[in-house]
């Protein structure tokens, strides 16, 4: 992944549906500085991002 490519939260493992809020939320606890930097700096990569595509490993093996 290049430095200026931004990943989408929608494909992250930690992006889950919260029934209390009735919307999708990030399940990782970030401090305020990390969150603000993630929202304002378009080149900042989330340090917690994990690809939620469980089939990625299988495609790699083929």
PDB file of N, CA and C in Angstrom:
ATOM      1  N   UNK A   1       0.846  -1.171   0.000  1.00  0.00           N
ATOM      2  CA  UNK A   1       0.000   0.000   0.000  1.00  0.00           C
ATOM      3  C   UNK A   1       0.891   1.233   0.000  1.00  0.00           C
ATOM      4  N   UNK A   2       0.626   2.157  -0.867  1.00  0.00           N
ATOM      5  CA  UNK A   2       1.453   3.346  -0.947  1.00  0.00           C
ATOM      6  C   UNK A   2       1.127   4.312   0.179  1.00  0.00           C
ATOM      7  N   UNK A   3       2.023   5.222   0.407  1.00  0.00           N
ATOM      8  CA  UNK A   3       1.885   6.173   1.517  1.00  0.00           C
ATOM      9  C   UNK A   3       0.642   7.050   1.363  1.00  0.00           C
ATOM     10  N   UNK A   4       0.303   7.424   0.135  1.00  0.00           N
ATOM     11  CA  UNK A   4      -0.819   8.333  -0.050  1.00  0.00           C
ATOM     12  C   UNK A   4      -2.137   7.611  -0.343  1.00  0.00           C
ATOM     13  N   UNK A   5      -2.158   6.302  -0.224  1.00  0.00           N
ATOM     14  CA  UNK A   5      -3.399   5.557  -0.393  1.00  0.00           C
ATOM     15  C   UNK A   5      -4.069   5.395   0.962  1.00  0.00           C
ATOM     16  N   UNK A   6      -5.305   5.821   1.056  1.00  0.00           N
ATOM     17  CA  UNK A   6      -6.033   5.750   2.329  1.00  0.00           C
ATOM     18  C   UNK A   6      -6.930   4.527   2.330  1.00  0.00           C
ATOM     19  N   UNK A   7      -6.933   3.803   3.427  1.00  0.00           N
ATOM     20  CA  UNK A   7      -7.765   2.606   3.536  1.00  0.00           C
ATOM     21  C   UNK A   7      -9.151   2.991   4.026  1.00  0.00           C
ATOM     22  N   UNK A   8     -10.108   2.150   3.718  1.00  0.00           N
ATOM     23  CA  UNK A   8     -11.479   2.408   4.109  1.00  0.00           C
ATOM     24  C   UNK A   8     -11.814   1.668   5.398  1.00  0.00           C
ATOM     25  N   UNK A   9     -12.460   2.353   6.316  1.00  0.00           N
ATOM     26  CA  UNK A   9     -12.884   1.719   7.563  1.00  0.00           C
ATOM     27  C   UNK A   9     -13.879   0.603   7.287  1.00  0.00           C
ATOM     28  N   UNK A  10     -14.628   0.707   6.209  1.00  0.00           N
ATOM     29  CA  UNK A  10     -15.659  -0.282   5.914  1.00  0.00           C
ATOM     30  C   UNK A  10     -15.087  -1.667   5.646  1.00  0.00           C
ATOM     31  N   UNK A  11     -13.815  -1.756   5.275  1.00  0.00           N
ATOM     32  CA  UNK A  11     -13.200  -3.059   5.028  1.00  0.00           C
ATOM     33  C   UNK A  11     -12.356  -3.540   6.213  1.00  0.00           C
ATOM     34  N   UNK A  12     -12.396  -2.816   7.304  1.00  0.00           N
ATOM     35  CA  UNK A  12     -11.593  -3.151   8.483  1.00  0.00           C
ATOM     36  C   UNK A  12     -12.309  -4.165   9.377  1.00  0.00           C
ATOM     37  N   UNK A  13     -11.536  -5.033   9.987  1.00  0.00           N
ATOM     38  CA  UNK A  13     -12.073  -6.034  10.911  1.00  0.00           C
ATOM     39  C   UNK A  13     -12.736  -5.391  12.123  1.00  0.00           C
ATOM     40  N   UNK A  14     -12.219  -4.276  12.571  1.00  0.00           N
ATOM     41  CA  UNK A  14     -12.711  -3.634  13.788  1.00  0.00           C
ATOM     42  C   UNK A  14     -13.927  -2.739  13.557  1.00  0.00           C
ATOM     43  N   UNK A  15     -14.389  -2.616  12.325  1.00  0.00           N
ATOM     44  CA  UNK A  15     -15.563  -1.802  12.006  1.00  0.00           C
ATOM     45  C   UNK A  15     -16.794  -2.682  12.160  1.00  0.00           C
ATOM     46  N   UNK A  16     -17.469  -2.571  13.297  1.00  0.00           N
ATOM     47  CA  UNK A  16     -18.572  -3.485  13.628  1.00  0.00           C
ATOM     48  C   UNK A  16     -19.882  -2.721  13.817  1.00  0.00           C
ATOM     49  N   UNK A  17     -20.974  -3.457  13.730  1.00  0.00           N
ATOM     50  CA  UNK A  17     -22.288  -2.870  13.958  1.00  0.00           C
ATOM     51  C   UNK A  17     -22.591  -2.882  15.448  1.00  0.00           C
ATOM     52  N   UNK A  18     -22.913  -1.734  16.008  1.00  0.00           N
ATOM     53  CA  UNK A  18     -23.251  -1.604  17.416  1.00  0.00           C
ATOM     54  C   UNK A  18     -24.763  -1.448  17.526  1.00  0.00           C
ATOM     55  N   UNK A  19     -25.396  -2.410  18.173  1.00  0.00           N
ATOM     56  CA  UNK A  19     -26.854  -2.394  18.289  1.00  0.00           C
ATOM     57  C   UNK A  19     -27.357  -1.259  19.181  1.00  0.00           C
ATOM     58  N   UNK A  20     -26.568  -0.838  20.157  1.00  0.00           N
ATOM     59  CA  UNK A  20     -26.981   0.270  21.025  1.00  0.00           C
ATOM     60  C   UNK A  20     -27.070   1.587  20.248  1.00  0.00           C
ATOM     61  N   UNK A  21     -26.070   1.851  19.401  1.00  0.00           N
ATOM     62  CA  UNK A  21     -26.049   3.080  18.599  1.00  0.00           C
ATOM     63  C   UNK A  21     -26.793   2.925  17.273  1.00  0.00           C
ATOM     64  N   UNK A  22     -27.090   1.684  16.912  1.00  0.00           N
ATOM     65  CA  UNK A  22     -27.735   1.352  15.644  1.00  0.00           C
ATOM     66  C   UNK A  22     -26.964   1.906  14.447  1.00  0.00           C
ATOM     67  N   UNK A  23     -25.652   1.754  14.507  1.00  0.00           N
ATOM     68  CA  UNK A  23     -24.790   2.146  13.393  1.00  0.00           C
ATOM     69  C   UNK A  23     -23.450   1.436  13.532  1.00  0.00           C
ATOM     70  N   UNK A  24     -22.622   1.580  12.509  1.00  0.00           N
ATOM     71  CA  UNK A  24     -21.300   0.966  12.533  1.00  0.00           C
ATOM     72  C   UNK A  24     -20.319   1.873  13.263  1.00  0.00           C
ATOM     73  N   UNK A  25     -19.456   1.256  14.067  1.00  0.00           N
ATOM     74  CA  UNK A  25     -18.455   1.993  14.842  1.00  0.00           C
ATOM     75  C   UNK A  25     -17.125   1.244  14.806  1.00  0.00           C
ATOM     76  N   UNK A  26     -16.064   1.963  15.114  1.00  0.00           N
ATOM     77  CA  UNK A  26     -14.741   1.346  15.235  1.00  0.00           C
ATOM     78  C   UNK A  26     -14.638   0.743  16.633  1.00  0.00           C
ATOM     79  N   UNK A  27     -14.245  -0.522  16.688  1.00  0.00           N
ATOM     80  CA  UNK A  27     -14.179  -1.242  17.958  1.00  0.00           C
ATOM     81  C   UNK A  27     -12.846  -1.055  18.685  1.00  0.00           C
ATOM     82  N   UNK A  28     -11.930  -0.302  18.121  1.00  0.00           N
ATOM     83  CA  UNK A  28     -10.636  -0.052  18.755  1.00  0.00           C
ATOM     84  C   UNK A  28     -10.704   1.219  19.584  1.00  0.00           C
ATOM     85  N   UNK A  29     -10.090   1.178  20.738  1.00  0.00           N
ATOM     86  CA  UNK A  29     -10.029   2.363  21.583  1.00  0.00           C
ATOM     87  C   UNK A  29      -8.848   3.217  21.160  1.00  0.00           C
ATOM     88  N   UNK A  30      -9.148   4.383  20.612  1.00  0.00           N
ATOM     89  CA  UNK A  30      -8.105   5.329  20.200  1.00  0.00           C
ATOM     90  C   UNK A  30      -8.121   6.509  21.159  1.00  0.00           C
ATOM     91  N   UNK A  31      -6.951   7.085  21.359  1.00  0.00           N
ATOM     92  CA  UNK A  31      -6.959   8.311  22.144  1.00  0.00           C
ATOM     93  C   UNK A  31      -7.375   9.465  21.220  1.00  0.00           C
ATOM     94  N   UNK A  32      -7.649  10.609  21.802  1.00  0.00           N
ATOM     95  CA  UNK A  32      -8.162  11.747  21.033  1.00  0.00           C
ATOM     96  C   UNK A  32      -7.206  12.190  19.936  1.00  0.00           C
ATOM     97  N   UNK A  33      -5.902  12.178  20.224  1.00  0.00           N
ATOM     98  CA  UNK A  33      -4.917  12.612  19.240  1.00  0.00           C
ATOM     99  C   UNK A  33      -4.923  11.725  18.009  1.00  0.00           C
ATOM    100  N   UNK A  34      -4.969  10.407  18.211  1.00  0.00           N
ATOM    101  CA  UNK A  34      -5.002   9.480  17.075  1.00  0.00           C
ATOM    102  C   UNK A  34      -6.266   9.671  16.245  1.00  0.00           C
ATOM    103  N   UNK A  35      -7.384   9.825  16.918  1.00  0.00           N
ATOM    104  CA  UNK A  35      -8.654   9.971  16.206  1.00  0.00           C
ATOM    105  C   UNK A  35      -8.694  11.262  15.385  1.00  0.00           C
ATOM    106  N   UNK A  36      -8.268  12.357  15.975  1.00  0.00           N
ATOM    107  CA  UNK A  36      -8.282  13.637  15.252  1.00  0.00           C
ATOM    108  C   UNK A  36      -7.314  13.602  14.082  1.00  0.00           C
ATOM    109  N   UNK A  37      -6.158  13.007  14.282  1.00  0.00           N
ATOM    110  CA  UNK A  37      -5.202  12.904  13.179  1.00  0.00           C
ATOM    111  C   UNK A  37      -5.760  12.029  12.053  1.00  0.00           C
ATOM    112  N   UNK A  38      -6.433  10.950  12.406  1.00  0.00           N
ATOM    113  CA  UNK A  38      -7.036  10.077  11.410  1.00  0.00           C
ATOM    114  C   UNK A  38      -8.113  10.806  10.609  1.00  0.00           C
ATOM    115  N   UNK A  39      -8.897  11.649  11.269  1.00  0.00           N
ATOM    116  CA  UNK A  39      -9.978  12.357  10.602  1.00  0.00           C
ATOM    117  C   UNK A  39      -9.506  13.562   9.795  1.00  0.00           C
ATOM    118  N   UNK A  40      -8.413  14.193  10.184  1.00  0.00           N
ATOM    119  CA  UNK A  40      -8.001  15.435   9.523  1.00  0.00           C
ATOM    120  C   UNK A  40      -6.843  15.279   8.540  1.00  0.00           C
ATOM    121  N   UNK A  41      -5.932  14.361   8.797  1.00  0.00           N
ATOM    122  CA  UNK A  41      -4.765  14.183   7.928  1.00  0.00           C
ATOM    123  C   UNK A  41      -5.074  13.110   6.888  1.00  0.00           C
ATOM    124  N   UNK A  42      -5.197  13.507   5.643  1.00  0.00           N
ATOM    125  CA  UNK A  42      -5.617  12.543   4.622  1.00  0.00           C
ATOM    126  C   UNK A  42      -4.537  11.520   4.281  1.00  0.00           C
ATOM    127  N   UNK A  43      -3.304  11.724   4.714  1.00  0.00           N
ATOM    128  CA  UNK A  43      -2.223  10.771   4.450  1.00  0.00           C
ATOM    129  C   UNK A  43      -1.912   9.874   5.639  1.00  0.00           C
ATOM    130  N   UNK A  44      -2.560  10.097   6.774  1.00  0.00           N
ATOM    131  CA  UNK A  44      -2.300   9.296   7.975  1.00  0.00           C
ATOM    132  C   UNK A  44      -2.971   7.940   7.835  1.00  0.00           C
ATOM    133  N   UNK A  45      -2.220   6.875   8.057  1.00  0.00           N
ATOM    134  CA  UNK A  45      -2.757   5.514   7.998  1.00  0.00           C
ATOM    135  C   UNK A  45      -3.114   5.055   9.400  1.00  0.00           C
ATOM    136  N   UNK A  46      -4.278   4.464   9.543  1.00  0.00           N
ATOM    137  CA  UNK A  46      -4.716   3.967  10.848  1.00  0.00           C
ATOM    138  C   UNK A  46      -3.783   2.843  11.300  1.00  0.00           C
ATOM    139  N   UNK A  47      -3.206   2.956  12.483  1.00  0.00           N
ATOM    140  CA  UNK A  47      -2.285   1.917  12.959  1.00  0.00           C
ATOM    141  C   UNK A  47      -2.991   0.623  13.353  1.00  0.00           C
ATOM    142  N   UNK A  48      -4.311   0.640  13.484  1.00  0.00           N
ATOM    143  CA  UNK A  48      -5.064  -0.533  13.906  1.00  0.00           C
ATOM    144  C   UNK A  48      -5.732  -1.264  12.751  1.00  0.00           C
ATOM    145  N   UNK A  49      -5.620  -0.749  11.538  1.00  0.00           N
ATOM    146  CA  UNK A  49      -6.343  -1.324  10.405  1.00  0.00           C
ATOM    147  C   UNK A  49      -5.940  -2.779  10.154  1.00  0.00           C
ATOM    148  N   UNK A  50      -6.937  -3.639  10.034  1.00  0.00           N
ATOM    149  CA  UNK A  50      -6.757  -5.045   9.651  1.00  0.00           C
ATOM    150  C   UNK A  50      -7.800  -5.334   8.589  1.00  0.00           C
ATOM    151  N   UNK A  51      -7.365  -5.916   7.495  1.00  0.00           N
ATOM    152  CA  UNK A  51      -8.278  -6.226   6.416  1.00  0.00           C
ATOM    153  C   UNK A  51      -9.293  -7.256   6.903  1.00  0.00           C
ATOM    154  N   UNK A  52     -10.564  -6.944   6.767  1.00  0.00           N
ATOM    155  CA  UNK A  52     -11.622  -7.825   7.233  1.00  0.00           C
ATOM    156  C   UNK A  52     -12.023  -8.871   6.219  1.00  0.00           C
ATOM    157  N   UNK A  53     -11.315  -8.937   5.099  1.00  0.00           N
ATOM    158  CA  UNK A  53     -11.639  -9.899   4.050  1.00  0.00           C
ATOM    159  C   UNK A  53     -11.035 -11.251   4.410  1.00  0.00           C
ATOM    160  N   UNK A  54     -11.857 -12.143   4.946  1.00  0.00           N
ATOM    161  CA  UNK A  54     -11.349 -13.452   5.370  1.00  0.00           C
ATOM    162  C   UNK A  54     -10.964 -14.344   4.195  1.00  0.00           C
ATOM    163  N   UNK A  55     -11.371 -13.982   2.993  1.00  0.00           N
ATOM    164  CA  UNK A  55     -11.032 -14.773   1.816  1.00  0.00           C
ATOM    165  C   UNK A  55      -9.720 -14.327   1.161  1.00  0.00           C
ATOM    166  N   UNK A  56      -9.102 -13.280   1.657  1.00  0.00           N
ATOM    167  CA  UNK A  56      -7.858 -12.777   1.078  1.00  0.00           C
ATOM    168  C   UNK A  56      -6.750 -13.827   1.140  1.00  0.00           C
ATOM    169  N   UNK A  57      -6.664 -14.571   2.224  1.00  0.00           N
ATOM    170  CA  UNK A  57      -5.646 -15.593   2.384  1.00  0.00           C
ATOM    171  C   UNK A  57      -5.872 -16.726   1.364  1.00  0.00           C
ATOM    172  N   UNK A  58      -7.112 -17.110   1.183  1.00  0.00           N
ATOM    173  CA  UNK A  58      -7.421 -18.192   0.247  1.00  0.00           C
ATOM    174  C   UNK A  58      -7.068 -17.762  -1.174  1.00  0.00           C
ATOM    175  N   UNK A  59      -7.401 -16.549  -1.546  1.00  0.00           N
ATOM    176  CA  UNK A  59      -7.068 -16.056  -2.895  1.00  0.00           C
ATOM    177  C   UNK A  59      -5.557 -16.016  -3.099  1.00  0.00           C
ATOM    178  N   UNK A  60      -4.819 -15.715  -2.060  1.00  0.00           N
ATOM    179  CA  UNK A  60      -3.360 -15.662  -2.158  1.00  0.00           C
ATOM    180  C   UNK A  60      -2.763 -17.044  -2.401  1.00  0.00           C
ATOM    181  N   UNK A  61      -3.380 -18.074  -1.847  1.00  0.00           N
ATOM    182  CA  UNK A  61      -2.876 -19.436  -1.981  1.00  0.00           C
ATOM    183  C   UNK A  61      -3.130 -20.011  -3.364  1.00  0.00           C
ATOM    184  N   UNK A  62      -4.091 -19.460  -4.094  1.00  0.00           N
ATOM    185  CA  UNK A  62      -4.429 -19.993  -5.422  1.00  0.00           C
ATOM    186  C   UNK A  62      -3.436 -19.587  -6.461  1.00  0.00           C
TER     187      UNK A  62
END
